[in-house]
């Protein structure tokens, strides 16, 4: 029996771990079974007395001169409210210093959007990567090219506005954390208010969980319709989570599910209004 190469083994392991992460798995099992009943009969040792913990620190480390997250959100809300069009909103984002990612992951610039300013569908991913940071546009790397091909096949090429939950590249292309998404949320909500899409397509687990305030994994959320509501409750838009194209590149067999999601979205978008 021939053995696979270490390189192929590593690729298989990385692919499997990525699949588990997108499925919502966040715990590992032990190699050997543990008798929890027997272990429960043994009284645990009493821990030594500890001093009260200091006040909790912010979820994201703050850099000198960088506002704490509450102040950053308030600043973002004020800047977003002043933007009367997408050009002004892009300028506000470019000048915003309240998101930690601006100082940690981004090498060049903010990455806001591409697509039609009056699109009926807004595609919201999680965050820009290296190629996006370089070009200043979302979804332009390998994953973005796959997304474009899928949108074209569904007849949506000129009917989408594409953006992300954060506008700066996370270090090492990691998933953005909640505090980073929170700092960028006012700008994203203002973009939704300006574009006024009919439907939202939430691409990947980080986007779906953030936009819908859900804890479920993307494999559970995808293909199901939800109602997204703005923070001030003034907007309510149907939202459909789907698999991220980067995941599809690792798991080609899942493309059928993502394609079914796009067909579901297109059918609802083009559905004729029922007569009153």
Protein backbone atom coordinates (compact mmCIF):
# COMPACT_ATOMS: atom_id res chain seq x y z
CA UNK A 1 0.00 0.00 0.00
CA UNK A 2 1.41 3.36 -1.00
CA UNK A 3 1.51 6.20 1.50
CA UNK A 4 0.30 9.67 0.61
CA UNK A 5 2.80 12.50 0.64
CA UNK A 6 3.09 14.81 3.69
CA UNK A 7 2.00 17.72 1.48
CA UNK A 8 -1.24 16.02 0.45
CA UNK A 9 -1.86 14.91 4.05
CA UNK A 10 -1.47 18.49 5.25
CA UNK A 11 -3.83 19.79 2.58
CA UNK A 12 -6.42 17.18 3.56
CA UNK A 13 -6.15 18.10 7.23
CA UNK A 14 -6.46 21.83 6.48
CA UNK A 15 -9.51 21.18 4.29
CA UNK A 16 -11.15 19.04 7.00
CA UNK A 17 -10.47 21.63 9.71
CA UNK A 18 -11.92 24.38 7.50
CA UNK A 19 -15.01 22.26 6.91
CA UNK A 20 -15.49 21.72 10.67
CA UNK A 21 -15.00 25.42 11.39
CA UNK A 22 -17.61 26.47 8.82
CA UNK A 23 -19.95 23.82 10.23
CA UNK A 24 -19.74 25.44 13.67
CA UNK A 25 -17.53 22.82 15.38
CA UNK A 26 -15.59 24.51 18.18
CA UNK A 27 -14.50 21.62 20.44
CA UNK A 28 -12.22 18.58 20.14
CA UNK A 29 -12.78 15.10 21.63
CA UNK A 30 -10.12 13.15 23.52
CA UNK A 31 -8.27 10.19 22.00
CA UNK A 32 -9.32 7.84 24.84
CA UNK A 33 -12.74 7.54 26.58
CA UNK A 34 -13.16 9.02 30.05
CA UNK A 35 -15.47 7.54 32.73
CA UNK A 36 -17.18 10.77 33.80
CA UNK A 37 -19.36 8.95 36.38
CA UNK A 38 -16.36 7.54 38.23
CA UNK A 39 -14.54 10.83 38.00
CA UNK A 40 -17.54 12.59 39.49
CA UNK A 41 -17.25 10.56 42.70
CA UNK A 42 -13.87 12.09 43.47
CA UNK A 43 -14.08 15.40 45.27
CA UNK A 44 -12.11 18.02 43.37
CA UNK A 45 -9.35 19.83 45.24
CA UNK A 46 -10.31 23.21 46.61
CA UNK A 47 -8.62 26.02 44.73
CA UNK A 48 -6.66 28.59 46.75
CA UNK A 49 -8.40 31.86 47.50
CA UNK A 50 -7.91 34.39 44.76
CA UNK A 51 -8.11 38.12 44.70
CA UNK A 52 -11.03 39.66 42.80
CA UNK A 53 -10.16 39.95 39.09
CA UNK A 54 -9.45 43.40 37.69
CA UNK A 55 -12.11 45.06 35.52
CA UNK A 56 -12.54 43.29 32.20
CA UNK A 57 -10.48 44.70 29.35
CA UNK A 58 -11.88 45.52 25.95
CA UNK A 59 -12.42 42.55 23.64
CA UNK A 60 -9.90 43.99 21.16
CA UNK A 61 -6.59 45.48 22.39
CA UNK A 62 -6.51 49.24 22.00
CA UNK A 63 -3.56 51.03 20.48
CA UNK A 64 -2.38 54.47 21.55
CA UNK A 65 -4.56 57.13 20.00
CA UNK A 66 -7.23 54.60 19.00
CA UNK A 67 -10.69 55.15 20.56
CA UNK A 68 -12.22 52.37 22.67
CA UNK A 69 -14.95 50.39 20.94
CA UNK A 70 -17.93 52.24 22.40
CA UNK A 71 -16.55 55.59 21.37
CA UNK A 72 -15.57 54.16 17.98
CA UNK A 73 -19.12 52.98 17.31
CA UNK A 74 -20.52 56.37 18.29
CA UNK A 75 -18.04 58.09 15.98
CA UNK A 76 -18.92 55.71 13.14
CA UNK A 77 -22.63 56.38 13.64
CA UNK A 78 -22.08 60.13 13.45
CA UNK A 79 -19.92 59.89 10.33
CA UNK A 80 -22.27 57.46 8.60
CA UNK A 81 -25.32 59.61 9.29
CA UNK A 82 -23.68 62.58 7.56
CA UNK A 83 -23.02 60.65 4.33
CA UNK A 84 -25.72 61.47 1.79
CA UNK A 85 -24.37 59.22 -0.97
CA UNK A 86 -21.98 56.31 -1.46
CA UNK A 87 -19.08 58.56 -2.44
CA UNK A 88 -19.38 60.49 0.82
CA UNK A 89 -19.74 57.22 2.73
CA UNK A 90 -16.58 55.83 1.12
CA UNK A 91 -14.69 58.97 2.17
CA UNK A 92 -16.02 58.64 5.74
CA UNK A 93 -14.86 55.02 5.91
CA UNK A 94 -11.43 55.90 4.51
CA UNK A 95 -10.94 58.50 7.25
CA UNK A 96 -12.30 56.39 10.11
CA UNK A 97 -9.71 55.21 12.64
CA UNK A 98 -11.98 53.47 15.12
CA UNK A 99 -11.69 49.92 13.72
CA UNK A 100 -8.63 48.08 15.09
CA UNK A 101 -8.10 46.34 11.74
CA UNK A 102 -6.99 49.61 10.19
CA UNK A 103 -3.82 49.38 12.30
CA UNK A 104 -3.38 45.60 12.36
CA UNK A 105 -4.23 43.90 9.08
CA UNK A 106 -4.61 46.45 6.32
CA UNK A 107 -1.43 47.23 4.43
CA UNK A 108 -2.86 49.77 2.00
CA UNK A 109 -6.45 50.99 2.21
CA UNK A 110 -10.07 50.57 3.18
CA UNK A 111 -12.07 48.20 0.97
CA UNK A 112 -15.69 49.33 0.66
CA UNK A 113 -17.72 48.04 -2.30
CA UNK A 114 -18.10 47.25 -5.97
CA UNK A 115 -21.20 46.81 -8.10
CA UNK A 116 -24.36 48.72 -8.89
CA UNK A 117 -25.32 51.58 -6.56
CA UNK A 118 -29.01 50.77 -7.04
CA UNK A 119 -28.68 46.99 -7.01
CA UNK A 120 -31.68 44.93 -5.88
CA UNK A 121 -29.33 42.44 -4.16
CA UNK A 122 -26.60 43.30 -1.65
CA UNK A 123 -23.93 40.63 -1.18
CA UNK A 124 -22.23 40.88 2.22
CA UNK A 125 -19.09 38.86 2.91
CA UNK A 126 -16.93 38.86 6.02
CA UNK A 127 -13.78 40.86 5.21
CA UNK A 128 -11.18 41.67 2.56
CA UNK A 129 -8.10 39.56 1.91
CA UNK A 130 -4.66 40.33 0.51
CA UNK A 131 -5.79 40.87 -3.09
CA UNK A 132 -8.70 43.02 -1.95
CA UNK A 133 -6.38 45.12 0.21
CA UNK A 134 -4.15 45.60 -2.81
CA UNK A 135 -6.89 46.61 -5.25
CA UNK A 136 -9.26 48.35 -2.84
CA UNK A 137 -12.24 46.28 -4.03
CA UNK A 138 -14.06 43.37 -2.31
CA UNK A 139 -14.10 39.81 -3.67
CA UNK A 140 -11.46 40.14 -6.39
CA UNK A 141 -9.24 37.17 -5.43
CA UNK A 142 -9.87 33.50 -6.29
CA UNK A 143 -12.95 33.36 -4.09
CA UNK A 144 -14.30 36.52 -5.67
CA UNK A 145 -13.74 35.18 -9.16
CA UNK A 146 -15.76 32.10 -8.27
CA UNK A 147 -18.47 34.31 -6.78
CA UNK A 148 -18.61 36.34 -10.02
CA UNK A 149 -18.99 33.20 -12.12
CA UNK A 150 -21.82 31.97 -9.92
CA UNK A 151 -23.59 35.34 -9.99
CA UNK A 152 -23.25 35.47 -13.77
CA UNK A 153 -24.70 31.99 -14.14
CA UNK A 154 -27.67 33.05 -12.01
CA UNK A 155 -28.22 36.20 -14.10
CA UNK A 156 -27.19 38.54 -11.28
CA UNK A 157 -24.02 40.16 -12.66
CA UNK A 158 -25.37 43.70 -12.95
CA UNK A 159 -27.85 43.34 -10.10
CA UNK A 160 -25.55 43.14 -7.08
CA UNK A 161 -23.78 45.49 -4.69
CA UNK A 162 -20.86 43.65 -3.04
CA UNK A 163 -19.34 44.59 0.32
CA UNK A 164 -18.20 43.08 3.66
CA UNK A 165 -18.90 43.30 7.38
CA UNK A 166 -15.48 44.97 7.88
CA UNK A 167 -13.57 47.22 5.50
CA UNK A 168 -9.96 46.41 6.40
CA UNK A 169 -8.09 43.15 6.01
CA UNK A 170 -7.83 41.09 9.22
CA UNK A 171 -4.26 39.94 10.02
CA UNK A 172 -3.49 36.66 8.28
CA UNK A 173 -6.95 36.70 6.70
CA UNK A 174 -8.45 35.52 9.99
CA UNK A 175 -12.18 35.83 10.64
CA UNK A 176 -13.12 39.31 11.93
CA UNK A 177 -14.20 39.39 15.57
CA UNK A 178 -17.47 40.86 16.82
CA UNK A 179 -15.90 44.12 18.08
CA UNK A 180 -14.37 44.80 14.66
CA UNK A 181 -17.68 44.13 12.92
CA UNK A 182 -19.46 46.32 15.47
CA UNK A 183 -17.16 49.26 14.72
CA UNK A 184 -17.93 48.98 11.00
CA UNK A 185 -21.65 48.22 11.38
CA UNK A 186 -22.91 51.85 11.18
CA UNK A 187 -21.22 52.27 7.79
CA UNK A 188 -22.65 48.98 6.52
CA UNK A 189 -26.15 49.90 7.68
CA UNK A 190 -25.82 53.31 6.04
CA UNK A 191 -24.81 51.60 2.78
CA UNK A 192 -27.91 49.43 2.99
CA UNK A 193 -30.04 52.55 3.59
CA UNK A 194 -28.52 54.30 0.56
CA UNK A 195 -28.69 51.34 -1.83
CA UNK A 196 -32.10 50.09 -0.63
CA UNK A 197 -31.69 46.51 -1.86
CA UNK A 198 -34.66 44.17 -1.99
CA UNK A 199 -32.67 41.19 -0.72
CA UNK A 200 -29.46 40.49 1.22
CA UNK A 201 -27.15 37.56 0.39
CA UNK A 202 -25.00 36.84 3.45
CA UNK A 203 -21.86 35.04 2.31
CA UNK A 204 -20.17 32.83 4.91
CA UNK A 205 -20.65 32.15 8.60
CA UNK A 206 -19.03 35.34 9.92
CA UNK A 207 -21.36 37.49 7.84
CA UNK A 208 -24.52 35.52 8.61
CA UNK A 209 -23.86 35.34 12.35
CA UNK A 210 -23.05 39.05 12.59
CA UNK A 211 -25.92 40.32 10.48
CA UNK A 212 -28.55 38.02 11.97
CA UNK A 213 -27.21 37.81 15.54
CA UNK A 214 -27.18 34.01 15.32
CA UNK A 215 -24.84 31.45 16.91
CA UNK A 216 -25.56 28.60 14.48
CA UNK A 217 -22.98 27.47 11.93
CA UNK A 218 -23.34 28.38 8.28
CA UNK A 219 -24.25 24.82 7.29
CA UNK A 220 -27.31 25.17 9.50
CA UNK A 221 -28.17 28.74 8.46
CA UNK A 222 -27.65 28.48 4.70
CA UNK A 223 -30.62 28.21 2.41
CA UNK A 224 -33.05 29.61 5.00
CA UNK A 225 -34.71 33.02 4.78
CA UNK A 226 -34.40 35.45 7.71
CA UNK A 227 -35.45 39.05 8.26
CA UNK A 228 -32.58 41.49 8.79
CA UNK A 229 -33.45 44.63 10.74
CA UNK A 230 -31.40 47.80 11.09
CA UNK A 231 -30.37 48.97 14.55
CA UNK A 232 -33.04 51.69 14.55
CA UNK A 233 -35.65 49.21 13.23
CA UNK A 234 -36.37 51.50 10.24
CA UNK A 235 -35.29 48.88 7.68
CA UNK A 236 -36.36 45.26 7.36
CA UNK A 237 -35.00 43.21 4.46
CA UNK A 238 -35.17 39.46 3.67
CA UNK A 239 -31.72 37.88 4.05
CA UNK A 240 -30.43 34.54 2.77
CA UNK A 241 -27.19 33.05 4.16
CA UNK A 242 -25.06 30.94 1.84
CA UNK A 243 -21.65 29.27 1.76
CA UNK A 244 -18.55 31.40 1.23
CA UNK A 245 -16.82 30.83 -2.14
CA UNK A 246 -13.53 30.28 -0.29
CA UNK A 247 -15.18 27.30 1.40
CA UNK A 248 -16.40 26.07 -1.98
CA UNK A 249 -12.85 26.17 -3.31
CA UNK A 250 -11.85 23.82 -0.47
CA UNK A 251 -15.00 21.69 -0.71
CA UNK A 252 -16.13 21.60 -4.37
CA UNK A 253 -18.87 19.10 -3.54
CA UNK A 254 -20.69 21.87 -1.63
CA UNK A 255 -21.09 24.02 -4.75
CA UNK A 256 -24.45 22.40 -5.48
CA UNK A 257 -25.86 23.70 -2.19
CA UNK A 258 -24.56 27.23 -2.85
CA UNK A 259 -25.99 27.11 -6.37
CA UNK A 260 -29.38 26.08 -4.97
CA UNK A 261 -29.20 29.09 -2.64
CA UNK A 262 -28.60 31.42 -5.58
CA UNK A 263 -31.54 29.90 -7.47
CA UNK A 264 -33.71 30.42 -4.39
CA UNK A 265 -32.64 34.06 -4.18
CA UNK A 266 -33.17 34.70 -7.91
CA UNK A 267 -36.61 33.10 -7.83
CA UNK A 268 -37.68 35.35 -4.95
CA UNK A 269 -36.16 38.44 -6.57
CA UNK A 270 -37.98 37.87 -9.86
CA UNK A 271 -41.21 36.61 -8.33
CA UNK A 272 -44.14 38.66 -9.59
CA UNK A 273 -46.08 40.49 -6.94
CA UNK A 274 -49.40 38.84 -6.23
CA UNK A 275 -52.45 40.93 -7.11
CA UNK A 276 -54.08 42.61 -4.13
